[in-house]
Amino acid sequence: MSHVEERYSFTTDGLHNLAVYGVSPMHAWSALTALRRVIRHLGDELDETDVKVVFAQTDGGYLVVFLAESDRDDNDWDIIAARHMWPDEVAMFEKVAAGG
């Protein structure tokens, strides 16, 4: 099975949401490419919207990045928001990332 490359884009609304939560675009990008990350798909079969959430540990801390599949192409994702993980999310992330 070959690996399909995914592309990420910042939308105007997404950049605004990052600013609201005090997350820089560079920090969000580092979460998407982090070695320690957990990805959860949250697609909705009713409207075929594909949504995913990336939980990651970066040099700047623990982040959650919310993505929606773009209308442009498959495997094209719009970054719609990002924020720092809450303490219970950090605990969950550590458990899942460790394989537990």
N, C-alpha and C. Protein backbone atom coordinates (compact mmCIF):
# COMPACT_ATOMS: atom_id res chain seq x y z
N MET A 1 0.85 -1.18 0.00
CA MET A 1 0.00 0.00 0.00
C MET A 1 0.89 1.24 0.00
N SER A 2 0.65 2.15 -0.90
CA SER A 2 1.46 3.36 -0.98
C SER A 2 0.89 4.44 -0.05
N HIS A 3 1.77 5.30 0.40
CA HIS A 3 1.40 6.39 1.30
C HIS A 3 0.83 7.54 0.47
N VAL A 4 -0.32 8.07 0.88
CA VAL A 4 -0.93 9.21 0.21
C VAL A 4 -0.55 10.47 0.97
N GLU A 5 0.05 11.40 0.28
CA GLU A 5 0.48 12.65 0.89
C GLU A 5 -0.73 13.54 1.16
N GLU A 6 -0.79 14.11 2.35
CA GLU A 6 -1.87 15.03 2.69
C GLU A 6 -1.35 16.46 2.64
N ARG A 7 -2.23 17.37 2.24
CA ARG A 7 -1.88 18.78 2.15
C ARG A 7 -2.75 19.56 3.13
N TYR A 8 -2.14 20.56 3.77
CA TYR A 8 -2.84 21.37 4.76
C TYR A 8 -2.82 22.82 4.33
N SER A 9 -3.95 23.51 4.53
CA SER A 9 -4.06 24.93 4.17
C SER A 9 -4.66 25.70 5.33
N PHE A 10 -4.23 26.93 5.47
CA PHE A 10 -4.81 27.84 6.45
C PHE A 10 -5.88 28.67 5.75
N THR A 11 -7.09 28.66 6.28
CA THR A 11 -8.14 29.54 5.77
C THR A 11 -8.14 30.82 6.59
N THR A 12 -8.81 31.84 6.08
CA THR A 12 -8.91 33.10 6.82
C THR A 12 -9.58 32.86 8.17
N ASP A 13 -10.68 32.10 8.17
CA ASP A 13 -11.36 31.80 9.44
C ASP A 13 -10.46 30.97 10.36
N GLY A 14 -9.73 30.03 9.78
CA GLY A 14 -8.83 29.21 10.57
C GLY A 14 -7.74 30.04 11.24
N LEU A 15 -7.17 30.97 10.51
CA LEU A 15 -6.14 31.85 11.08
C LEU A 15 -6.72 32.70 12.21
N HIS A 16 -7.96 33.17 12.02
CA HIS A 16 -8.62 33.93 13.08
C HIS A 16 -8.80 33.06 14.33
N ASN A 17 -9.25 31.82 14.14
CA ASN A 17 -9.46 30.92 15.28
C ASN A 17 -8.16 30.61 16.00
N LEU A 18 -7.07 30.45 15.26
CA LEU A 18 -5.77 30.22 15.89
C LEU A 18 -5.42 31.41 16.78
N ALA A 19 -5.63 32.62 16.26
CA ALA A 19 -5.31 33.83 17.03
C ALA A 19 -6.16 33.91 18.30
N VAL A 20 -7.44 33.54 18.20
CA VAL A 20 -8.33 33.56 19.37
C VAL A 20 -7.78 32.67 20.48
N TYR A 21 -7.23 31.51 20.10
CA TYR A 21 -6.71 30.56 21.09
C TYR A 21 -5.22 30.74 21.37
N GLY A 22 -4.61 31.77 20.80
CA GLY A 22 -3.21 32.05 21.10
C GLY A 22 -2.23 31.05 20.52
N VAL A 23 -2.57 30.48 19.36
CA VAL A 23 -1.71 29.50 18.70
C VAL A 23 -1.20 30.11 17.40
N SER A 24 0.11 30.07 17.19
CA SER A 24 0.67 30.59 15.95
C SER A 24 0.50 29.57 14.83
N PRO A 25 0.44 30.03 13.57
CA PRO A 25 0.38 29.08 12.46
C PRO A 25 1.56 28.11 12.46
N MET A 26 2.75 28.58 12.82
CA MET A 26 3.92 27.70 12.87
C MET A 26 3.74 26.60 13.92
N HIS A 27 3.16 26.95 15.05
CA HIS A 27 2.92 25.97 16.11
C HIS A 27 1.89 24.92 15.65
N ALA A 28 0.83 25.37 14.98
CA ALA A 28 -0.17 24.44 14.46
C ALA A 28 0.46 23.52 13.42
N TRP A 29 1.28 24.08 12.55
CA TRP A 29 1.96 23.28 11.52
C TRP A 29 2.88 22.24 12.16
N SER A 30 3.59 22.63 13.21
CA SER A 30 4.49 21.68 13.87
C SER A 30 3.71 20.52 14.49
N ALA A 31 2.47 20.78 14.93
CA ALA A 31 1.64 19.70 15.47
C ALA A 31 1.25 18.71 14.38
N LEU A 32 0.96 19.23 13.19
CA LEU A 32 0.55 18.35 12.08
C LEU A 32 1.69 17.47 11.59
N THR A 33 2.91 17.89 11.83
CA THR A 33 4.07 17.13 11.35
C THR A 33 4.87 16.51 12.50
N ALA A 34 4.33 16.57 13.71
CA ALA A 34 5.04 16.05 14.89
C ALA A 34 5.19 14.54 14.82
N LEU A 35 6.27 14.06 15.41
CA LEU A 35 6.48 12.61 15.50
C LEU A 35 5.50 11.98 16.48
N ARG A 36 5.21 12.69 17.57
CA ARG A 36 4.25 12.19 18.57
C ARG A 36 2.90 12.85 18.32
N ARG A 37 2.03 12.12 17.63
CA ARG A 37 0.69 12.65 17.38
C ARG A 37 -0.30 11.49 17.30
N VAL A 38 -1.54 11.81 17.62
CA VAL A 38 -2.65 10.87 17.55
C VAL A 38 -3.71 11.54 16.69
N ILE A 39 -4.20 10.81 15.68
CA ILE A 39 -5.18 11.36 14.74
C ILE A 39 -6.51 10.63 14.93
N ARG A 40 -7.58 11.40 15.04
CA ARG A 40 -8.93 10.84 15.16
C ARG A 40 -9.79 11.39 14.02
N HIS A 41 -10.39 10.49 13.25
CA HIS A 41 -11.30 10.89 12.17
C HIS A 41 -12.71 11.00 12.74
N LEU A 42 -13.40 12.08 12.39
CA LEU A 42 -14.74 12.34 12.91
C LEU A 42 -15.71 12.58 11.77
N GLY A 43 -15.57 11.85 10.68
CA GLY A 43 -16.43 12.04 9.51
C GLY A 43 -17.89 11.81 9.83
N ASP A 44 -18.74 12.46 9.08
CA ASP A 44 -20.18 12.36 9.24
C ASP A 44 -20.76 11.74 7.98
N GLU A 45 -21.33 10.55 8.09
CA GLU A 45 -21.86 9.85 6.93
C GLU A 45 -23.07 10.55 6.32
N LEU A 46 -23.79 11.35 7.09
CA LEU A 46 -24.99 12.00 6.58
C LEU A 46 -24.68 13.08 5.56
N ASP A 47 -23.68 13.89 5.83
CA ASP A 47 -23.37 14.97 4.88
C ASP A 47 -22.00 14.79 4.22
N GLU A 48 -21.38 13.67 4.45
CA GLU A 48 -20.10 13.30 3.84
C GLU A 48 -18.97 14.28 4.16
N THR A 49 -19.13 15.06 5.21
CA THR A 49 -18.06 15.96 5.63
C THR A 49 -17.02 15.13 6.37
N ASP A 50 -15.78 15.23 5.94
CA ASP A 50 -14.71 14.50 6.61
C ASP A 50 -13.98 15.48 7.51
N VAL A 51 -13.97 15.17 8.79
CA VAL A 51 -13.33 16.01 9.79
C VAL A 51 -12.35 15.15 10.56
N LYS A 52 -11.22 15.74 10.92
CA LYS A 52 -10.30 15.00 11.78
C LYS A 52 -9.66 15.95 12.78
N VAL A 53 -9.20 15.34 13.86
CA VAL A 53 -8.56 16.08 14.94
C VAL A 53 -7.19 15.46 15.16
N VAL A 54 -6.17 16.31 15.25
CA VAL A 54 -4.81 15.85 15.50
C VAL A 54 -4.40 16.33 16.88
N PHE A 55 -4.07 15.38 17.75
CA PHE A 55 -3.52 15.67 19.07
C PHE A 55 -2.02 15.46 18.95
N ALA A 56 -1.21 16.42 19.38
CA ALA A 56 0.24 16.28 19.19
C ALA A 56 1.02 16.96 20.31
N GLN A 57 2.23 16.42 20.52
CA GLN A 57 3.18 17.05 21.42
C GLN A 57 4.24 17.72 20.55
N THR A 58 4.45 19.00 20.78
CA THR A 58 5.44 19.76 20.03
C THR A 58 6.42 20.40 21.01
N ASP A 59 7.43 21.06 20.48
CA ASP A 59 8.36 21.79 21.34
C ASP A 59 7.65 22.86 22.15
N GLY A 60 6.53 23.36 21.61
CA GLY A 60 5.77 24.40 22.29
C GLY A 60 4.68 23.89 23.22
N GLY A 61 4.57 22.59 23.38
CA GLY A 61 3.56 22.02 24.27
C GLY A 61 2.63 21.07 23.54
N TYR A 62 1.51 20.80 24.17
CA TYR A 62 0.51 19.87 23.63
C TYR A 62 -0.57 20.66 22.90
N LEU A 63 -0.86 20.27 21.67
CA LEU A 63 -1.86 20.98 20.86
C LEU A 63 -2.92 20.03 20.32
N VAL A 64 -4.10 20.59 20.07
CA VAL A 64 -5.17 19.93 19.33
C VAL A 64 -5.42 20.78 18.09
N VAL A 65 -5.38 20.16 16.90
CA VAL A 65 -5.64 20.87 15.65
C VAL A 65 -6.88 20.25 15.00
N PHE A 66 -7.83 21.09 14.63
CA PHE A 66 -9.07 20.64 14.01
C PHE A 66 -9.01 20.91 12.51
N LEU A 67 -9.35 19.88 11.72
CA LEU A 67 -9.24 19.96 10.27
C LEU A 67 -10.54 19.52 9.61
N ALA A 68 -10.86 20.14 8.48
CA ALA A 68 -12.00 19.71 7.65
C ALA A 68 -11.47 19.50 6.24
N GLU A 69 -11.94 18.41 5.61
CA GLU A 69 -11.46 18.15 4.25
C GLU A 69 -11.93 19.27 3.33
N SER A 70 -11.02 19.77 2.53
CA SER A 70 -11.29 20.87 1.62
C SER A 70 -12.19 20.40 0.48
N ASP A 71 -12.90 21.35 -0.11
CA ASP A 71 -13.71 21.05 -1.30
C ASP A 71 -12.84 20.91 -2.54
N ARG A 72 -11.58 21.31 -2.45
CA ARG A 72 -10.72 21.34 -3.64
C ARG A 72 -10.29 19.96 -4.10
N ASP A 73 -9.77 19.14 -3.22
CA ASP A 73 -9.21 17.84 -3.60
C ASP A 73 -9.29 16.87 -2.44
N ASP A 74 -9.22 15.58 -2.76
CA ASP A 74 -9.06 14.58 -1.71
C ASP A 74 -7.71 14.79 -1.04
N ASN A 75 -7.65 14.51 0.23
CA ASN A 75 -6.42 14.64 1.02
C ASN A 75 -5.93 16.07 1.13
N ASP A 76 -6.81 17.03 0.86
CA ASP A 76 -6.54 18.45 1.06
C ASP A 76 -7.34 18.85 2.29
N TRP A 77 -6.66 19.34 3.33
CA TRP A 77 -7.32 19.64 4.60
C TRP A 77 -7.20 21.11 4.93
N ASP A 78 -8.30 21.71 5.37
CA ASP A 78 -8.30 23.09 5.86
C ASP A 78 -8.15 23.07 7.37
N ILE A 79 -7.21 23.85 7.86
CA ILE A 79 -7.02 23.99 9.31
C ILE A 79 -8.08 24.98 9.78
N ILE A 80 -9.01 24.48 10.61
CA ILE A 80 -10.12 25.35 11.01
C ILE A 80 -9.97 25.91 12.42
N ALA A 81 -9.13 25.28 13.24
CA ALA A 81 -8.86 25.80 14.59
C ALA A 81 -7.74 24.99 15.22
N ALA A 82 -7.14 25.55 16.26
CA ALA A 82 -6.14 24.84 17.06
C ALA A 82 -6.13 25.49 18.44
N ARG A 83 -5.85 24.66 19.42
CA ARG A 83 -5.76 25.16 20.80
C ARG A 83 -4.85 24.24 21.59
N HIS A 84 -4.47 24.71 22.77
CA HIS A 84 -3.68 23.88 23.67
C HIS A 84 -4.58 22.82 24.28
N MET A 85 -4.03 21.63 24.52
CA MET A 85 -4.82 20.55 25.13
C MET A 85 -5.15 20.89 26.57
N TRP A 86 -6.32 20.42 26.99
CA TRP A 86 -6.70 20.50 28.39
C TRP A 86 -6.00 19.37 29.14
N PRO A 87 -5.85 19.48 30.47
CA PRO A 87 -5.12 18.45 31.23
C PRO A 87 -5.64 17.03 31.01
N ASP A 88 -6.96 16.85 30.92
CA ASP A 88 -7.47 15.49 30.69
C ASP A 88 -7.12 14.98 29.30
N GLU A 89 -7.01 15.88 28.34
CA GLU A 89 -6.60 15.49 26.98
C GLU A 89 -5.12 15.11 26.95
N VAL A 90 -4.30 15.83 27.72
CA VAL A 90 -2.88 15.48 27.80
C VAL A 90 -2.74 14.07 28.37
N ALA A 91 -3.49 13.76 29.42
CA ALA A 91 -3.43 12.42 30.02
C ALA A 91 -3.87 11.35 29.02
N MET A 92 -4.96 11.61 28.29
CA MET A 92 -5.43 10.67 27.27
C MET A 92 -4.39 10.51 26.17
N PHE A 93 -3.82 11.62 25.73
CA PHE A 93 -2.81 11.58 24.67
C PHE A 93 -1.62 10.74 25.10
N GLU A 94 -1.12 10.96 26.30
CA GLU A 94 0.04 10.21 26.78
C GLU A 94 -0.26 8.72 26.83
N LYS A 95 -1.47 8.37 27.25
CA LYS A 95 -1.85 6.96 27.32
C LYS A 95 -1.92 6.34 25.92
N VAL A 96 -2.59 7.01 24.99
CA VAL A 96 -2.75 6.48 23.63
C VAL A 96 -1.43 6.49 22.87
N ALA A 97 -0.66 7.57 22.99
CA ALA A 97 0.61 7.67 22.26
C ALA A 97 1.61 6.63 22.74
N ALA A 98 1.47 6.21 24.00
CA ALA A 98 2.36 5.18 24.55
C ALA A 98 1.89 3.77 24.19
N GLY A 99 0.73 3.70 23.52
CA GLY A 99 0.22 2.40 23.11
C GLY A 99 -0.70 1.76 24.12
N GLY A 100 -1.16 2.55 25.10
CA GLY A 100 -1.99 1.99 26.17
C GLY A 100 -3.44 2.18 26.01
